[in-house]
Amino acid sequence: MEMIRIFVQPGSCGFSCRVEARRRDKRQAIIEIGDSQCELIHELARNLKQVTLKDLFAPHTRNPVYKAAETAGCHLACPVPVAILKAAEVALQLALPRESSMVFEQPGEKDTT
């Protein structure tokens, strides 16, 4: 199966990482998280090895990805759990691999869109 790879640049903490997902079967994606200096992301990687189709539709408060991030002590606004879910969606052919971002407008800048 094709490996889906997302590189995450989380912002002010500076601890980037790589999230990889590959389809095990039609309902399960294998998750690998690496290339990070963040100990919390290392803990998340140890605790989260797969995402199922059911997980992708679980509410935030019961979602295994968010629960694993909370158990690992990840910051609430850490973008890595979202990247994990997006990679799993693409691996399970529920979404297309499209780039997404959050860009902060600097004071004094005007919207050019």
PDB file of N, CA and C in Angstrom:
ATOM      1  N   MET A   1       0.830  -1.196   0.000  1.00  0.00           N
ATOM      2  CA  MET A   1       0.000   0.000   0.000  1.00  0.00           C
ATOM      3  C   MET A   1       0.868   1.250   0.000  1.00  0.00           C
ATOM      4  N   GLU A   2       0.321   2.300  -0.575  1.00  0.00           N
ATOM      5  CA  GLU A   2       1.021   3.580  -0.653  1.00  0.00           C
ATOM      6  C   GLU A   2       1.130   4.226   0.724  1.00  0.00           C
ATOM      7  N   MET A   3       2.315   4.786   0.996  1.00  0.00           N
ATOM      8  CA  MET A   3       2.548   5.487   2.260  1.00  0.00           C
ATOM      9  C   MET A   3       2.128   6.941   2.087  1.00  0.00           C
ATOM     10  N   ILE A   4       1.305   7.417   3.003  1.00  0.00           N
ATOM     11  CA  ILE A   4       0.903   8.823   3.039  1.00  0.00           C
ATOM     12  C   ILE A   4       1.811   9.491   4.053  1.00  0.00           C
ATOM     13  N   ARG A   5       2.429  10.600   3.661  1.00  0.00           N
ATOM     14  CA  ARG A   5       3.390  11.277   4.542  1.00  0.00           C
ATOM     15  C   ARG A   5       3.016  12.748   4.676  1.00  0.00           C
ATOM     16  N   ILE A   6       2.951  13.217   5.917  1.00  0.00           N
ATOM     17  CA  ILE A   6       2.679  14.628   6.211  1.00  0.00           C
ATOM     18  C   ILE A   6       3.804  15.135   7.101  1.00  0.00           C
ATOM     19  N   PHE A   7       4.364  16.274   6.725  1.00  0.00           N
ATOM     20  CA  PHE A   7       5.360  16.929   7.570  1.00  0.00           C
ATOM     21  C   PHE A   7       4.649  18.041   8.323  1.00  0.00           C
ATOM     22  N   VAL A   8       4.794  18.059   9.634  1.00  0.00           N
ATOM     23  CA  VAL A   8       4.099  19.024  10.488  1.00  0.00           C
ATOM     24  C   VAL A   8       5.102  20.017  11.050  1.00  0.00           C
ATOM     25  N   GLN A   9       4.845  21.286  10.805  1.00  0.00           N
ATOM     26  CA  GLN A   9       5.596  22.393  11.400  1.00  0.00           C
ATOM     27  C   GLN A   9       4.649  23.045  12.403  1.00  0.00           C
ATOM     28  N   PRO A  10       4.771  22.713  13.688  1.00  0.00           N
ATOM     29  CA  PRO A  10       3.760  23.102  14.652  1.00  0.00           C
ATOM     30  C   PRO A  10       3.766  24.560  15.094  1.00  0.00           C
ATOM     31  N   GLY A  11       4.805  25.281  14.816  1.00  0.00           N
ATOM     32  CA  GLY A  11       4.806  26.688  15.211  1.00  0.00           C
ATOM     33  C   GLY A  11       5.844  27.011  16.249  1.00  0.00           C
ATOM     34  N   SER A  12       5.422  27.703  17.290  1.00  0.00           N
ATOM     35  CA  SER A  12       6.371  28.293  18.233  1.00  0.00           C
ATOM     36  C   SER A  12       7.217  27.281  19.001  1.00  0.00           C
ATOM     37  N   CYS A  13       6.745  26.056  19.198  1.00  0.00           N
ATOM     38  CA  CYS A  13       7.571  25.079  19.924  1.00  0.00           C
ATOM     39  C   CYS A  13       8.765  24.632  19.078  1.00  0.00           C
ATOM     40  N   GLY A  14       8.630  24.687  17.763  1.00  0.00           N
ATOM     41  CA  GLY A  14       9.724  24.343  16.867  1.00  0.00           C
ATOM     42  C   GLY A  14       9.975  22.855  16.694  1.00  0.00           C
ATOM     43  N   PHE A  15       9.158  22.003  17.291  1.00  0.00           N
ATOM     44  CA  PHE A  15       9.351  20.560  17.202  1.00  0.00           C
ATOM     45  C   PHE A  15       8.553  19.982  16.032  1.00  0.00           C
ATOM     46  N   SER A  16       9.128  20.050  14.854  1.00  0.00           N
ATOM     47  CA  SER A  16       8.452  19.491  13.687  1.00  0.00           C
ATOM     48  C   SER A  16       8.426  17.973  13.790  1.00  0.00           C
ATOM     49  N   CYS A  17       7.604  17.343  12.966  1.00  0.00           N
ATOM     50  CA  CYS A  17       7.572  15.886  12.945  1.00  0.00           C
ATOM     51  C   CYS A  17       7.024  15.401  11.614  1.00  0.00           C
ATOM     52  N   ARG A  18       7.118  14.099  11.447  1.00  0.00           N
ATOM     53  CA  ARG A  18       6.622  13.421  10.262  1.00  0.00           C
ATOM     54  C   ARG A  18       5.541  12.442  10.704  1.00  0.00           C
ATOM     55  N   VAL A  19       4.403  12.477  10.018  1.00  0.00           N
ATOM     56  CA  VAL A  19       3.314  11.537  10.278  1.00  0.00           C
ATOM     57  C   VAL A  19       3.135  10.707   9.019  1.00  0.00           C
ATOM     58  N   GLU A  20       3.144   9.397   9.175  1.00  0.00           N
ATOM     59  CA  GLU A  20       2.949   8.500   8.040  1.00  0.00           C
ATOM     60  C   GLU A  20       1.779   7.566   8.327  1.00  0.00           C
ATOM     61  N   ALA A  21       1.028   7.284   7.276  1.00  0.00           N
ATOM     62  CA  ALA A  21      -0.090   6.349   7.388  1.00  0.00           C
ATOM     63  C   ALA A  21      -0.114   5.482   6.138  1.00  0.00           C
ATOM     64  N   ARG A  22      -0.419   4.227   6.348  1.00  0.00           N
ATOM     65  CA  ARG A  22      -0.635   3.328   5.214  1.00  0.00           C
ATOM     66  C   ARG A  22      -1.799   2.420   5.546  1.00  0.00           C
ATOM     67  N   ARG A  23      -2.520   2.118   4.542  1.00  0.00           N
ATOM     68  CA  ARG A  23      -3.722   1.303   4.700  1.00  0.00           C
ATOM     69  C   ARG A  23      -3.356  -0.150   4.988  1.00  0.00           C
ATOM     70  N   ARG A  24      -3.867  -0.666   6.075  1.00  0.00           N
ATOM     71  CA  ARG A  24      -3.692  -2.101   6.393  1.00  0.00           C
ATOM     72  C   ARG A  24      -4.778  -2.897   5.680  1.00  0.00           C
ATOM     73  N   ASP A  25      -6.005  -2.418   5.804  1.00  0.00           N
ATOM     74  CA  ASP A  25      -7.149  -2.998   5.099  1.00  0.00           C
ATOM     75  C   ASP A  25      -8.164  -1.882   4.905  1.00  0.00           C
ATOM     76  N   LYS A  26      -9.356  -2.191   4.454  1.00  0.00           N
ATOM     77  CA  LYS A  26     -10.298  -1.115   4.126  1.00  0.00           C
ATOM     78  C   LYS A  26     -10.822  -0.344   5.332  1.00  0.00           C
ATOM     79  N   ARG A  27     -10.543  -0.812   6.535  1.00  0.00           N
ATOM     80  CA  ARG A  27     -11.034  -0.145   7.743  1.00  0.00           C
ATOM     81  C   ARG A  27      -9.951   0.249   8.726  1.00  0.00           C
ATOM     82  N   GLN A  28      -8.684   0.085   8.361  1.00  0.00           N
ATOM     83  CA  GLN A  28      -7.623   0.338   9.330  1.00  0.00           C
ATOM     84  C   GLN A  28      -6.370   0.887   8.649  1.00  0.00           C
ATOM     85  N   ALA A  29      -5.794   1.938   9.255  1.00  0.00           N
ATOM     86  CA  ALA A  29      -4.538   2.529   8.773  1.00  0.00           C
ATOM     87  C   ALA A  29      -3.480   2.382   9.860  1.00  0.00           C
ATOM     88  N   ILE A  30      -2.279   1.995   9.448  1.00  0.00           N
ATOM     89  CA  ILE A  30      -1.136   1.915  10.345  1.00  0.00           C
ATOM     90  C   ILE A  30      -0.520   3.307  10.423  1.00  0.00           C
ATOM     91  N   ILE A  31      -0.196   3.771  11.625  1.00  0.00           N
ATOM     92  CA  ILE A  31       0.335   5.113  11.842  1.00  0.00           C
ATOM     93  C   ILE A  31       1.765   5.023  12.362  1.00  0.00           C
ATOM     94  N   GLU A  32       2.638   5.841  11.789  1.00  0.00           N
ATOM     95  CA  GLU A  32       4.006   5.982  12.285  1.00  0.00           C
ATOM     96  C   GLU A  32       4.300   7.470  12.425  1.00  0.00           C
ATOM     97  N   ILE A  33       4.843   7.848  13.571  1.00  0.00           N
ATOM     98  CA  ILE A  33       5.171   9.249  13.853  1.00  0.00           C
ATOM     99  C   ILE A  33       6.654   9.299  14.188  1.00  0.00           C
ATOM    100  N   GLY A  34       7.390  10.190  13.524  1.00  0.00           N
ATOM    101  CA  GLY A  34       8.819  10.244  13.776  1.00  0.00           C
ATOM    102  C   GLY A  34       9.431  11.590  13.462  1.00  0.00           C
ATOM    103  N   ASP A  35      10.750  11.620  13.500  1.00  0.00           N
ATOM    104  CA  ASP A  35      11.535  12.816  13.178  1.00  0.00           C
ATOM    105  C   ASP A  35      11.150  14.012  14.026  1.00  0.00           C
ATOM    106  N   SER A  36      10.923  13.791  15.315  1.00  0.00           N
ATOM    107  CA  SER A  36      10.586  14.887  16.220  1.00  0.00           C
ATOM    108  C   SER A  36      11.511  14.852  17.430  1.00  0.00           C
ATOM    109  N   GLN A  37      11.821  16.012  17.946  1.00  0.00           N
ATOM    110  CA  GLN A  37      12.592  16.117  19.177  1.00  0.00           C
ATOM    111  C   GLN A  37      11.690  16.291  20.394  1.00  0.00           C
ATOM    112  N   CYS A  38      10.393  16.297  20.164  1.00  0.00           N
ATOM    113  CA  CYS A  38       9.433  16.485  21.253  1.00  0.00           C
ATOM    114  C   CYS A  38       9.176  15.161  21.971  1.00  0.00           C
ATOM    115  N   GLU A  39       9.443  15.132  23.267  1.00  0.00           N
ATOM    116  CA  GLU A  39       9.214  13.923  24.051  1.00  0.00           C
ATOM    117  C   GLU A  39       7.731  13.562  24.121  1.00  0.00           C
ATOM    118  N   LEU A  40       6.865  14.563  24.074  1.00  0.00           N
ATOM    119  CA  LEU A  40       5.427  14.296  24.113  1.00  0.00           C
ATOM    120  C   LEU A  40       4.976  13.606  22.831  1.00  0.00           C
ATOM    121  N   ILE A  41       5.534  14.004  21.708  1.00  0.00           N
ATOM    122  CA  ILE A  41       5.219  13.354  20.429  1.00  0.00           C
ATOM    123  C   ILE A  41       5.777  11.934  20.419  1.00  0.00           C
ATOM    124  N   HIS A  42       6.933  11.721  21.025  1.00  0.00           N
ATOM    125  CA  HIS A  42       7.475  10.360  21.152  1.00  0.00           C
ATOM    126  C   HIS A  42       6.494   9.485  21.936  1.00  0.00           C
ATOM    127  N   GLU A  43       5.956  10.031  23.023  1.00  0.00           N
ATOM    128  CA  GLU A  43       4.979   9.291  23.831  1.00  0.00           C
ATOM    129  C   GLU A  43       3.713   9.018  23.023  1.00  0.00           C
ATOM    130  N   LEU A  44       3.242   9.995  22.290  1.00  0.00           N
ATOM    131  CA  LEU A  44       2.076   9.812  21.425  1.00  0.00           C
ATOM    132  C   LEU A  44       2.346   8.686  20.425  1.00  0.00           C
ATOM    133  N   ALA A  45       3.515   8.680  19.820  1.00  0.00           N
ATOM    134  CA  ALA A  45       3.873   7.649  18.838  1.00  0.00           C
ATOM    135  C   ALA A  45       3.887   6.257  19.474  1.00  0.00           C
ATOM    136  N   ARG A  46       4.346   6.164  20.710  1.00  0.00           N
ATOM    137  CA  ARG A  46       4.368   4.867  21.399  1.00  0.00           C
ATOM    138  C   ARG A  46       2.953   4.354  21.684  1.00  0.00           C
ATOM    139  N   ASN A  47       2.022   5.282  21.906  1.00  0.00           N
ATOM    140  CA  ASN A  47       0.662   4.914  22.303  1.00  0.00           C
ATOM    141  C   ASN A  47      -0.332   4.803  21.156  1.00  0.00           C
ATOM    142  N   LEU A  48       0.056   5.228  19.964  1.00  0.00           N
ATOM    143  CA  LEU A  48      -0.894   5.241  18.851  1.00  0.00           C
ATOM    144  C   LEU A  48      -0.256   4.577  17.639  1.00  0.00           C
ATOM    145  N   LYS A  49      -0.693   3.398  17.311  1.00  0.00           N
ATOM    146  CA  LYS A  49      -0.108   2.632  16.208  1.00  0.00           C
ATOM    147  C   LYS A  49      -1.054   2.465  15.027  1.00  0.00           C
ATOM    148  N   GLN A  50      -2.345   2.733  15.236  1.00  0.00           N
ATOM    149  CA  GLN A  50      -3.309   2.570  14.156  1.00  0.00           C
ATOM    150  C   GLN A  50      -4.493   3.499  14.358  1.00  0.00           C
ATOM    151  N   VAL A  51      -5.193   3.754  13.271  1.00  0.00           N
ATOM    152  CA  VAL A  51      -6.441   4.507  13.292  1.00  0.00           C
ATOM    153  C   VAL A  51      -7.433   3.707  12.458  1.00  0.00           C
ATOM    154  N   THR A  52      -8.612   3.500  12.995  1.00  0.00           N
ATOM    155  CA  THR A  52      -9.637   2.750  12.279  1.00  0.00           C
ATOM    156  C   THR A  52     -10.644   3.702  11.636  1.00  0.00           C
ATOM    157  N   LEU A  53     -11.421   3.157  10.746  1.00  0.00           N
ATOM    158  CA  LEU A  53     -12.486   3.935  10.113  1.00  0.00           C
ATOM    159  C   LEU A  53     -13.423   4.499  11.173  1.00  0.00           C
ATOM    160  N   LYS A  54     -13.746   3.698  12.165  1.00  0.00           N
ATOM    161  CA  LYS A  54     -14.615   4.147  13.257  1.00  0.00           C
ATOM    162  C   LYS A  54     -14.001   5.340  14.001  1.00  0.00           C
ATOM    163  N   ASP A  55     -12.685   5.302  14.208  1.00  0.00           N
ATOM    164  CA  ASP A  55     -11.992   6.394  14.899  1.00  0.00           C
ATOM    165  C   ASP A  55     -12.159   7.724  14.169  1.00  0.00           C
ATOM    166  N   LEU A  56     -12.192   7.669  12.844  1.00  0.00           N
ATOM    167  CA  LEU A  56     -12.289   8.898  12.054  1.00  0.00           C
ATOM    168  C   LEU A  56     -13.620   9.613  12.232  1.00  0.00           C
ATOM    169  N   PHE A  57     -14.609   8.895  12.726  1.00  0.00           N
ATOM    170  CA  PHE A  57     -15.931   9.495  12.917  1.00  0.00           C
ATOM    171  C   PHE A  57     -16.315   9.627  14.390  1.00  0.00           C
ATOM    172  N   ALA A  58     -15.395   9.308  15.279  1.00  0.00           N
ATOM    173  CA  ALA A  58     -15.658   9.440  16.715  1.00  0.00           C
ATOM    174  C   ALA A  58     -15.608  10.911  17.124  1.00  0.00           C
ATOM    175  N   PRO A  59     -16.480  11.329  18.020  1.00  0.00           N
ATOM    176  CA  PRO A  59     -16.446  12.714  18.504  1.00  0.00           C
ATOM    177  C   PRO A  59     -15.124  13.017  19.206  1.00  0.00           C
ATOM    178  N   HIS A  60     -14.765  14.280  19.240  1.00  0.00           N
ATOM    179  CA  HIS A  60     -13.503  14.706  19.863  1.00  0.00           C
ATOM    180  C   HIS A  60     -13.301  14.112  21.253  1.00  0.00           C
ATOM    181  N   THR A  61     -14.329  14.133  22.054  1.00  0.00           N
ATOM    182  CA  THR A  61     -14.196  13.708  23.448  1.00  0.00           C
ATOM    183  C   THR A  61     -13.987  12.207  23.611  1.00  0.00           C
ATOM    184  N   ARG A  62     -14.298  11.439  22.558  1.00  0.00           N
ATOM    185  CA  ARG A  62     -14.105   9.985  22.616  1.00  0.00           C
ATOM    186  C   ARG A  62     -13.158   9.484  21.533  1.00  0.00           C
ATOM    187  N   ASN A  63     -12.526  10.397  20.834  1.00  0.00           N
ATOM    188  CA  ASN A  63     -11.662  10.009  19.726  1.00  0.00           C
ATOM    189  C   ASN A  63     -10.336   9.456  20.245  1.00  0.00           C
ATOM    190  N   PRO A  64      -9.957   8.243  19.820  1.00  0.00           N
ATOM    191  CA  PRO A  64      -8.720   7.635  20.308  1.00  0.00           C
ATOM    192  C   PRO A  64      -7.452   8.440  19.991  1.00  0.00           C
ATOM    193  N   VAL A  65      -7.442   9.168  18.898  1.00  0.00           N
ATOM    194  CA  VAL A  65      -6.269   9.986  18.565  1.00  0.00           C
ATOM    195  C   VAL A  65      -6.136  11.121  19.566  1.00  0.00           C
ATOM    196  N   TYR A  66      -7.221  11.816  19.839  1.00  0.00           N
ATOM    197  CA  TYR A  66      -7.180  12.907  20.804  1.00  0.00           C
ATOM    198  C   TYR A  66      -6.949  12.393  22.228  1.00  0.00           C
ATOM    199  N   LYS A  67      -7.493  11.218  22.540  1.00  0.00           N
ATOM    200  CA  LYS A  67      -7.245  10.636  23.858  1.00  0.00           C
ATOM    201  C   LYS A  67      -5.764  10.287  24.025  1.00  0.00           C
ATOM    202  N   ALA A  68      -5.163   9.723  22.985  1.00  0.00           N
ATOM    203  CA  ALA A  68      -3.727   9.391  23.045  1.00  0.00           C
ATOM    204  C   ALA A  68      -2.889  10.656  23.175  1.00  0.00           C
ATOM    205  N   ALA A  69      -3.283  11.724  22.474  1.00  0.00           N
ATOM    206  CA  ALA A  69      -2.556  12.999  22.579  1.00  0.00           C
ATOM    207  C   ALA A  69      -2.675  13.568  23.993  1.00  0.00           C
ATOM    208  N   GLU A  70      -3.852  13.466  24.577  1.00  0.00           N
ATOM    209  CA  GLU A  70      -4.046  13.951  25.947  1.00  0.00           C
ATOM    210  C   GLU A  70      -3.221  13.133  26.934  1.00  0.00           C
ATOM    211  N   THR A  71      -3.241  11.824  26.790  1.00  0.00           N
ATOM    212  CA  THR A  71      -2.463  10.945  27.668  1.00  0.00           C
ATOM    213  C   THR A  71      -0.974  11.245  27.564  1.00  0.00           C
ATOM    214  N   ALA A  72      -0.519  11.563  26.349  1.00  0.00           N
ATOM    215  CA  ALA A  72       0.896  11.885  26.130  1.00  0.00           C
ATOM    216  C   ALA A  72       1.268  13.255  26.681  1.00  0.00           C
ATOM    217  N   GLY A  73       0.258  14.085  26.959  1.00  0.00           N
ATOM    218  CA  GLY A  73       0.515  15.426  27.478  1.00  0.00           C
ATOM    219  C   GLY A  73       0.680  16.477  26.403  1.00  0.00           C
ATOM    220  N   CYS A  74       0.242  16.172  25.189  1.00  0.00           N
ATOM    221  CA  CYS A  74       0.366  17.148  24.096  1.00  0.00           C
ATOM    222  C   CYS A  74      -0.439  18.410  24.405  1.00  0.00           C
ATOM    223  N   HIS A  75       0.073  19.529  23.937  1.00  0.00           N
ATOM    224  CA  HIS A  75      -0.608  20.814  24.074  1.00  0.00           C
ATOM    225  C   HIS A  75      -1.939  20.735  23.332  1.00  0.00           C
ATOM    226  N   LEU A  76      -2.950  21.370  23.880  1.00  0.00           N
ATOM    227  CA  LEU A  76      -4.284  21.324  23.288  1.00  0.00           C
ATOM    228  C   LEU A  76      -4.296  21.779  21.828  1.00  0.00           C
ATOM    229  N   ALA A  77      -3.491  22.778  21.496  1.00  0.00           N
ATOM    230  CA  ALA A  77      -3.485  23.307  20.130  1.00  0.00           C
ATOM    231  C   ALA A  77      -2.436  22.642  19.229  1.00  0.00           C
ATOM    232  N   CYS A  78      -1.826  21.564  19.669  1.00  0.00           N
ATOM    233  CA  CYS A  78      -0.838  20.854  18.846  1.00  0.00           C
ATOM    234  C   CYS A  78      -1.511  20.351  17.568  1.00  0.00           C
ATOM    235  N   PRO A  79      -0.928  20.628  16.401  1.00  0.00           N
ATOM    236  CA  PRO A  79      -1.540  20.196  15.143  1.00  0.00           C
ATOM    237  C   PRO A  79      -1.252  18.738  14.775  1.00  0.00           C
ATOM    238  N   VAL A  80      -0.432  18.051  15.522  1.00  0.00           N
ATOM    239  CA  VAL A  80      -0.068  16.672  15.165  1.00  0.00           C
ATOM    240  C   VAL A  80      -1.275  15.729  15.177  1.00  0.00           C
ATOM    241  N   PRO A  81      -2.171  15.773  16.176  1.00  0.00           N
ATOM    242  CA  PRO A  81      -3.335  14.877  16.120  1.00  0.00           C
ATOM    243  C   PRO A  81      -4.193  15.085  14.865  1.00  0.00           C
ATOM    244  N   VAL A  82      -4.348  16.316  14.439  1.00  0.00           N
ATOM    245  CA  VAL A  82      -5.103  16.583  13.211  1.00  0.00           C
ATOM    246  C   VAL A  82      -4.386  15.976  12.009  1.00  0.00           C
ATOM    247  N   ALA A  83      -3.061  16.102  11.972  1.00  0.00           N
ATOM    248  CA  ALA A  83      -2.281  15.522  10.871  1.00  0.00           C
ATOM    249  C   ALA A  83      -2.437  13.999  10.855  1.00  0.00           C
ATOM    250  N   ILE A  84      -2.478  13.384  12.012  1.00  0.00           N
ATOM    251  CA  ILE A  84      -2.676  11.934  12.089  1.00  0.00           C
ATOM    252  C   ILE A  84      -4.016  11.548  11.480  1.00  0.00           C
ATOM    253  N   LEU A  85      -5.055  12.273  11.861  1.00  0.00           N
ATOM    254  CA  LEU A  85      -6.392  11.981  11.330  1.00  0.00           C
ATOM    255  C   LEU A  85      -6.463  12.225   9.825  1.00  0.00           C
ATOM    256  N   LYS A  86      -5.849  13.317   9.353  1.00  0.00           N
ATOM    257  CA  LYS A  86      -5.858  13.602   7.912  1.00  0.00           C
ATOM    258  C   LYS A  86      -5.093  12.530   7.145  1.00  0.00           C
ATOM    259  N   ALA A  87      -3.936  12.107   7.654  1.00  0.00           N
ATOM    260  CA  ALA A  87      -3.158  11.066   6.985  1.00  0.00           C
ATOM    261  C   ALA A  87      -3.951   9.759   6.917  1.00  0.00           C
ATOM    262  N   ALA A  88      -4.636   9.418   8.002  1.00  0.00           N
ATOM    263  CA  ALA A  88      -5.446   8.198   8.018  1.00  0.00           C
ATOM    264  C   ALA A  88      -6.603   8.300   7.028  1.00  0.00           C
ATOM    265  N   GLU A  89      -7.244   9.454   6.947  1.00  0.00           N
ATOM    266  CA  GLU A  89      -8.326   9.652   5.978  1.00  0.00           C
ATOM    267  C   GLU A  89      -7.846   9.403   4.554  1.00  0.00           C
ATOM    268  N   VAL A  90      -6.690   9.947   4.228  1.00  0.00           N
ATOM    269  CA  VAL A  90      -6.153   9.775   2.885  1.00  0.00           C
ATOM    270  C   VAL A  90      -5.744   8.312   2.659  1.00  0.00           C
ATOM    271  N   ALA A  91      -5.102   7.712   3.633  1.00  0.00           N
ATOM    272  CA  ALA A  91      -4.690   6.312   3.507  1.00  0.00           C
ATOM    273  C   ALA A  91      -5.887   5.388   3.297  1.00  0.00           C
ATOM    274  N   LEU A  92      -7.005   5.710   3.943  1.00  0.00           N
ATOM    275  CA  LEU A  92      -8.216   4.906   3.811  1.00  0.00           C
ATOM    276  C   LEU A  92      -9.097   5.362   2.655  1.00  0.00           C
ATOM    277  N   GLN A  93      -8.575   6.246   1.827  1.00  0.00           N
ATOM    278  CA  GLN A  93      -9.234   6.742   0.612  1.00  0.00           C
ATOM    279  C   GLN A  93     -10.560   7.445   0.898  1.00  0.00           C
ATOM    280  N   LEU A  94     -10.591   8.186   2.015  1.00  0.00           N
ATOM    281  CA  LEU A  94     -11.764   8.979   2.364  1.00  0.00           C
ATOM    282  C   LEU A  94     -11.558  10.460   2.069  1.00  0.00           C
ATOM    283  N   ALA A  95     -10.338  10.828   1.705  1.00  0.00           N
ATOM    284  CA  ALA A  95     -10.011  12.223   1.402  1.00  0.00           C
ATOM    285  C   ALA A  95      -8.864  12.238   0.402  1.00  0.00           C
ATOM    286  N   LEU A  96      -8.728  13.360  -0.270  1.00  0.00           N
ATOM    287  CA  LEU A  96      -7.618  13.552  -1.192  1.00  0.00           C
ATOM    288  C   LEU A  96      -6.451  14.201  -0.455  1.00  0.00           C
ATOM    289  N   PRO A  97      -5.234  13.935  -0.882  1.00  0.00           N
ATOM    290  CA  PRO A  97      -4.064  14.540  -0.221  1.00  0.00           C
ATOM    291  C   PRO A  97      -3.875  15.998  -0.640  1.00  0.00           C
ATOM    292  N   ARG A  98      -4.592  16.886   0.007  1.00  0.00           N
ATOM    293  CA  ARG A  98      -4.523  18.313  -0.294  1.00  0.00           C
ATOM    294  C   ARG A  98      -3.850  19.059   0.849  1.00  0.00           C
ATOM    295  N   GLU A  99      -3.007  20.004   0.497  1.00  0.00           N
ATOM    296  CA  GLU A  99      -2.282  20.796   1.486  1.00  0.00           C
ATOM    297  C   GLU A  99      -3.244  21.665   2.283  1.00  0.00           C
ATOM    298  N   SER A 100      -2.955  21.807   3.562  1.00  0.00           N
ATOM    299  CA  SER A 100      -3.728  22.721   4.404  1.00  0.00           C
ATOM    300  C   SER A 100      -2.738  23.502   5.248  1.00  0.00           C
ATOM    301  N   SER A 101      -3.167  24.639   5.768  1.00  0.00           N
ATOM    302  CA  SER A 101      -2.257  25.443   6.574  1.00  0.00           C
ATOM    303  C   SER A 101      -3.038  26.414   7.447  1.00  0.00           C
ATOM    304  N   MET A 102      -2.328  26.944   8.427  1.00  0.00           N
ATOM    305  CA  MET A 102      -2.818  28.050   9.239  1.00  0.00           C
ATOM    306  C   MET A 102      -1.757  29.127   9.116  1.00  0.00           C
ATOM    307  N   VAL A 103      -2.143  30.282   8.681  1.00  0.00           N
ATOM    308  CA  VAL A 103      -1.181  31.359   8.486  1.00  0.00           C
ATOM    309  C   VAL A 103      -1.645  32.553   9.306  1.00  0.00           C
ATOM    310  N   PHE A 104      -0.778  32.992  10.202  1.00  0.00           N
ATOM    311  CA  PHE A 104      -1.110  34.147  11.024  1.00  0.00           C
ATOM    312  C   PHE A 104      -0.839  35.422  10.255  1.00  0.00           C
ATOM    313  N   GLU A 105      -1.792  36.334  10.307  1.00  0.00           N
ATOM    314  CA  GLU A 105      -1.611  37.649   9.703  1.00  0.00           C
ATOM    315  C   GLU A 105      -0.804  38.479  10.676  1.00  0.00           C
ATOM    316  N   GLN A 106       0.233  39.114  10.183  1.00  0.00           N
ATOM    317  CA  GLN A 106       1.066  39.962  11.006  1.00  0.00           C
ATOM    318  C   GLN A 106       0.387  41.315  11.195  1.00  0.00           C
ATOM    319  N   PRO A 107       0.564  41.929  12.379  1.00  0.00           N
ATOM    320  CA  PRO A 107      -0.029  43.251  12.599  1.00  0.00           C
ATOM    321  C   PRO A 107       0.357  44.215  11.494  1.00  0.00           C
ATOM    322  N   GLY A 108      -0.625  44.901  10.977  1.00  0.00           N
ATOM    323  CA  GLY A 108      -0.376  45.873   9.935  1.00  0.00           C
ATOM    324  C   GLY A 108      -0.522  45.323   8.524  1.00  0.00           C
ATOM    325  N   GLU A 109      -0.562  44.003   8.374  1.00  0.00           N
ATOM    326  CA  GLU A 109      -0.742  43.404   7.052  1.00  0.00           C
ATOM    327  C   GLU A 109      -2.206  43.460   6.668  1.00  0.00           C
ATOM    328  N   LYS A 110      -2.449  43.591   5.388  1.00  0.00           N
ATOM    329  CA  LYS A 110      -3.832  43.570   4.887  1.00  0.00           C
ATOM    330  C   LYS A 110      -4.052  42.275   4.144  1.00  0.00           C
ATOM    331  N   ASP A 111      -5.271  41.808   4.206  1.00  0.00           N
ATOM    332  CA  ASP A 111      -5.649  40.585   3.510  1.00  0.00           C
ATOM    333  C   ASP A 111      -5.536  40.820   2.015  1.00  0.00           C
ATOM    334  N   THR A 112      -4.767  39.953   1.339  1.00  0.00           N
ATOM    335  CA  THR A 112      -4.563  40.107  -0.105  1.00  0.00           C
ATOM    336  C   THR A 112      -5.316  39.050  -0.904  1.00  0.00           C
ATOM    337  N   THR A 113      -6.232  38.334  -0.230  1.00  0.00           N
ATOM    338  CA  THR A 113      -6.986  37.306  -0.955  1.00  0.00           C
ATOM    339  C   THR A 113      -8.217  37.854  -1.603  1.00  0.00           C
TER     340      THR A 113
END
